[in-house]
C-alpha atoms as a PDB file:
ATOM      1  CA  MET A   1      57.466 191.234-118.872  1.00  0.00           C
ATOM      2  CA  PHE A   2      58.427 193.045-115.640  1.00  0.00           C
ATOM      3  CA  ALA A   3      62.103 192.024-115.818  1.00  0.00           C
ATOM      4  CA  TRP A   4      62.478 193.268-119.599  1.00  0.00           C
ATOM      5  CA  LEU A   5      60.900 196.703-118.538  1.00  0.00           C
ATOM      6  CA  SER A   6      62.887 196.954-115.480  1.00  0.00           C
ATOM      7  CA  ARG A   7      65.914 196.159-117.627  1.00  0.00           C
ATOM      8  CA  LEU A   8      65.242 198.798-120.108  1.00  0.00           C
ATOM      9  CA  PHE A   9      64.574 201.449-117.330  1.00  0.00           C
ATOM     10  CA  LEU A  10      67.689 200.813-115.291  1.00  0.00           C
ATOM     11  CA  ALA A  11      69.785 200.695-118.599  1.00  0.00           C
ATOM     12  CA  ALA A  12      68.368 204.023-119.425  1.00  0.00           C
ATOM     13  CA  VAL A  13      68.781 205.573-116.120  1.00  0.00           C
ATOM     14  CA  LEU A  14      72.457 204.420-116.161  1.00  0.00           C
ATOM     15  CA  ALA A  15      73.467 205.392-119.320  1.00  0.00           C
ATOM     16  CA  VAL A  16      71.879 208.834-118.954  1.00  0.00           C
ATOM     17  CA  ALA A  17      73.732 209.305-115.572  1.00  0.00           C
ATOM     18  CA  GLY A  18      77.090 207.955-117.079  1.00  0.00           C
ATOM     19  CA  VAL A  19      76.908 210.096-119.991  1.00  0.00           C
ATOM     20  CA  LEU A  20      76.010 213.347-118.067  1.00  0.00           C
ATOM     21  CA  LYS A  21      78.911 212.624-115.641  1.00  0.00           C
ATOM     22  CA  LEU A  22      81.419 212.168-118.467  1.00  0.00           C
ATOM     23  CA  LEU A  23      80.265 215.232-120.139  1.00  0.00           C
ATOM     24  CA  THR A  24      81.008 217.121-116.787  1.00  0.00           C
ATOM     25  CA  ALA A  25      83.687 215.147-115.067  1.00  0.00           C
ATOM     26  CA  GLN A  26      86.446 217.399-115.560  1.00  0.00           C
ATOM     27  CA  HIS A  27      84.520 220.051-113.571  1.00  0.00           C
ATOM     28  CA  SER A  28      83.141 217.799-110.894  1.00  0.00           C
ATOM     29  CA  HIS A  29      84.668 219.584-108.109  1.00  0.00           C
ATOM     30  CA  PRO A  30      82.072 220.397-105.202  1.00  0.00           C
ATOM     31  CA  PRO A  31      82.018 224.081-103.952  1.00  0.00           C
ATOM     32  CA  GLU A  32      85.140 224.566-101.334  1.00  0.00           C
ATOM     33  CA  ASP A  33      83.185 225.778 -98.574  1.00  0.00           C
ATOM     34  CA  MET A  34      81.499 221.803 -98.287  1.00  0.00           C
ATOM     35  CA  ASP A  35      82.788 220.007 -95.594  1.00  0.00           C
ATOM     36  CA  LEU A  36      82.894 216.479 -97.255  1.00  0.00           C
ATOM     37  CA  GLY A  37      85.158 214.578 -94.912  1.00  0.00           C
ATOM     38  CA  TRP A  38      85.973 211.127 -96.196  1.00  0.00           C
ATOM     39  CA  MET A  39      84.069 211.550 -99.190  1.00  0.00           C
ATOM     40  CA  ALA A  40      86.047 214.200-100.539  1.00  0.00           C
ATOM     41  CA  PRO A  41      87.979 211.644-102.880  1.00  0.00           C
ATOM     42  CA  LEU A  42      84.817 210.745-104.420  1.00  0.00           C
ATOM     43  CA  PHE A  43      84.300 213.826-106.250  1.00  0.00           C
ATOM     44  CA  GLU A  44      87.650 213.911-108.033  1.00  0.00           C
ATOM     45  CA  PRO A  45      87.576 213.811-111.936  1.00  0.00           C
ATOM     46  CA  SER A  46      89.128 210.400-111.960  1.00  0.00           C
ATOM     47  CA  VAL A  47      86.621 208.649-109.627  1.00  0.00           C
ATOM     48  CA  VAL A  48      83.881 210.583-111.570  1.00  0.00           C
ATOM     49  CA  ILE A  49      84.992 209.187-114.688  1.00  0.00           C
ATOM     50  CA  ALA A  50      85.499 205.777-113.545  1.00  0.00           C
ATOM     51  CA  SER A  51      82.021 205.715-111.941  1.00  0.00           C
ATOM     52  CA  ALA A  52      80.386 207.049-115.407  1.00  0.00           C
ATOM     53  CA  LEU A  53      82.102 204.210-117.022  1.00  0.00           C
ATOM     54  CA  VAL A  54      81.079 201.568-114.671  1.00  0.00           C
ATOM     55  CA  GLU A  55      77.451 202.866-115.184  1.00  0.00           C
ATOM     56  CA  ILE A  56      77.734 202.682-118.931  1.00  0.00           C
ATOM     57  CA  GLY A  57      78.940 199.423-118.615  1.00  0.00           C
ATOM     58  CA  LEU A  58      76.423 198.256-116.306  1.00  0.00           C
ATOM     59  CA  ALA A  59      73.893 199.317-118.571  1.00  0.00           C
ATOM     60  CA  ILE A  60      75.226 197.294-121.480  1.00  0.00           C
ATOM     61  CA  VAL A  61      75.105 194.241-119.286  1.00  0.00           C
ATOM     62  CA  LEU A  62      71.635 194.742-118.440  1.00  0.00           C
ATOM     63  CA  LEU A  63      70.730 194.614-122.090  1.00  0.00           C
ATOM     64  CA  SER A  64      72.833 191.382-122.400  1.00  0.00           C
ATOM     65  CA  ARG A  65      72.355 187.909-121.488  1.00  0.00           C
ATOM     66  CA  ALA A  66      74.362 188.548-118.312  1.00  0.00           C
ATOM     67  CA  TRP A  67      71.299 190.934-117.390  1.00  0.00           C
ATOM     68  CA  ARG A  68      70.924 189.274-113.993  1.00  0.00           C
ATOM     69  CA  TRP A  69      74.314 190.005-112.575  1.00  0.00           C
ATOM     70  CA  GLY A  70      73.702 193.388-114.160  1.00  0.00           C
ATOM     71  CA  MET A  71      70.684 193.412-111.616  1.00  0.00           C
ATOM     72  CA  LEU A  72      72.538 192.448-108.939  1.00  0.00           C
ATOM     73  CA  LEU A  73      75.305 194.843-109.709  1.00  0.00           C
ATOM     74  CA  THR A  74      72.511 197.715-110.156  1.00  0.00           C
ATOM     75  CA  LEU A  75      71.125 196.723-106.891  1.00  0.00           C
ATOM     76  CA  VAL A  76      74.264 197.391-105.045  1.00  0.00           C
ATOM     77  CA  LEU A  77      75.159 200.261-106.942  1.00  0.00           C
ATOM     78  CA  ALA A  78      71.799 201.888-106.149  1.00  0.00           C
ATOM     79  CA  LEU A  79      72.068 201.045-102.287  1.00  0.00           C
ATOM     80  CA  SER A  80      75.757 202.482-102.303  1.00  0.00           C
ATOM     81  CA  PHE A  81      74.541 205.781-104.016  1.00  0.00           C
ATOM     82  CA  LEU A  82      71.774 205.868-101.353  1.00  0.00           C
ATOM     83  CA  GLY A  83      74.055 205.675 -98.505  1.00  0.00           C
ATOM     84  CA  LEU A  84      76.065 208.207-100.251  1.00  0.00           C
ATOM     85  CA  LEU A  85      73.497 210.537-100.353  1.00  0.00           C
ATOM     86  CA  VAL A  86      72.631 209.993 -96.654  1.00  0.00           C
ATOM     87  CA  ALA A  87      75.913 210.440 -95.674  1.00  0.00           C
ATOM     88  CA  LEU A  88      76.067 213.824 -97.473  1.00  0.00           C
ATOM     89  CA  ALA A  89      72.760 214.863 -96.101  1.00  0.00           C
ATOM     90  CA  GLN A  90      74.218 214.124 -92.528  1.00  0.00           C
ATOM     91  CA  ARG A  91      77.296 216.585 -93.264  1.00  0.00           C
ATOM     92  CA  GLY A  92      74.862 219.108 -94.391  1.00  0.00           C
ATOM     93  CA  VAL A  93      75.608 218.674 -98.088  1.00  0.00           C
ATOM     94  CA  GLY A  94      72.191 219.128-100.465  1.00  0.00           C
ATOM     95  CA  VAL A  95      71.619 216.456-102.845  1.00  0.00           C
ATOM     96  CA  GLU A  96      71.665 218.886-105.493  1.00  0.00           C
ATOM     97  CA  HIS A  97      75.732 218.831-105.053  1.00  0.00           C
ATOM     98  CA  CYS A  98      76.299 215.156-105.469  1.00  0.00           C
ATOM     99  CA  GLY A  99      76.958 215.344-109.065  1.00  0.00           C
ATOM    100  CA  CYS A 100      75.180 211.886-109.773  1.00  0.00           C
ATOM    101  CA  PHE A 101      73.749 213.390-113.206  1.00  0.00           C
ATOM    102  CA  GLY A 102      76.709 215.563-113.824  1.00  0.00           C
ATOM    103  CA  ALA A 103      75.883 219.265-113.802  1.00  0.00           C
ATOM    104  CA  ALA A 104      71.851 218.250-114.182  1.00  0.00           C
ATOM    105  CA  ARG A 105      70.177 219.463-111.252  1.00  0.00           C
ATOM    106  CA  VAL A 106      67.693 216.955-109.842  1.00  0.00           C
ATOM    107  CA  GLN A 107      65.600 217.707-106.912  1.00  0.00           C
ATOM    108  CA  PRO A 108      66.429 215.874-103.528  1.00  0.00           C
ATOM    109  CA  GLY A 109      63.170 213.794-103.279  1.00  0.00           C
ATOM    110  CA  THR A 110      63.217 212.963-106.922  1.00  0.00           C
ATOM    111  CA  HIS A 111      66.774 211.866-106.669  1.00  0.00           C
ATOM    112  CA  MET A 112      66.165 209.427-103.702  1.00  0.00           C
ATOM    113  CA  LEU A 113      62.876 208.170-105.062  1.00  0.00           C
ATOM    114  CA  LEU A 114      64.890 207.513-108.523  1.00  0.00           C
ATOM    115  CA  LEU A 115      67.531 205.475-106.521  1.00  0.00           C
ATOM    116  CA  LEU A 116      65.005 203.712-104.547  1.00  0.00           C
ATOM    117  CA  GLY A 117      62.954 202.859-107.591  1.00  0.00           C
ATOM    118  CA  MET A 118      66.257 201.454-109.334  1.00  0.00           C
ATOM    119  CA  ALA A 119      66.789 199.330-106.196  1.00  0.00           C
ATOM    120  CA  ILE A 120      63.206 198.146-106.258  1.00  0.00           C
ATOM    121  CA  ALA A 121      63.334 197.342-109.947  1.00  0.00           C
ATOM    122  CA  ALA A 122      66.478 195.363-109.390  1.00  0.00           C
ATOM    123  CA  ALA A 123      65.514 193.444-106.466  1.00  0.00           C
ATOM    124  CA  GLY A 124      61.925 192.548-108.091  1.00  0.00           C
ATOM    125  CA  SER A 125      63.479 191.443-111.234  1.00  0.00           C
ATOM    126  CA  LEU A 126      65.772 189.348-109.338  1.00  0.00           C
ATOM    127  CA  ALA A 127      63.033 187.897-107.195  1.00  0.00           C
ATOM    128  CA  ILE A 128      60.952 186.683-110.265  1.00  0.00           C
ATOM    129  CA  GLN A 129      61.873 183.214-111.072  1.00  0.00           C
ATOM    130  CA  ARG A 130      60.930 182.432-114.441  1.00  0.00           C
ATOM    131  CA  GLU A 131      61.813 179.150-116.135  1.00  0.00           C
ATOM    132  CA  PRO A 132      63.769 179.599-119.470  1.00  0.00           C
ATOM    133  CA  ALA A 133      61.793 179.448-122.742  1.00  0.00           C
ATOM    134  CA  ARG A 134      63.867 176.416-123.976  1.00  0.00           C
ATOM    135  CA  HIS A 135      62.669 174.385-120.902  1.00  0.00           C
ATOM    136  CA  SER A 136      58.931 175.282-121.362  1.00  0.00           C
ATOM    137  CA  ALA A 137      59.090 174.361-125.447  1.00  0.00           C
ATOM    138  CA  SER A 138      60.527 170.871-124.625  1.00  0.00           C
ATOM    139  CA  ARG A 139      57.525 170.022-122.135  1.00  0.00           C
ATOM    140  CA  ALA A 140      54.812 170.971-124.753  1.00  0.00           C
ATOM    141  CA  ARG A 141      56.226 168.093-127.159  1.00  0.00           C
END
């Protein structure tokens, strides 16, 4: 049950984030006065569109039979985004300018908690070892 709820939660968050990014991808440039350093190319419209498509594709994988791979990739993605937010914070760039949800503004604490929750849900779902239903049905005979 936990894995199924995690799949739905993660798929919903990824799909919403991906769609919101796609809606504003052409206007994704951060303010010019921000010093993004090595992270500047990550805010280019083509990278934002690619990121949005990856998130939407990952949402679909989470709802498929390959959901375990989707969980693993979601864990990697959530931890990568957390690392990016930390790197932005170290440069003095507010989380509200990251563009993770397109033009929608998410409070920094909420943003970090959401990404941390995504990582925990993905890791927890991967850690749960359930026996497939077909094996348990054959044992009942």
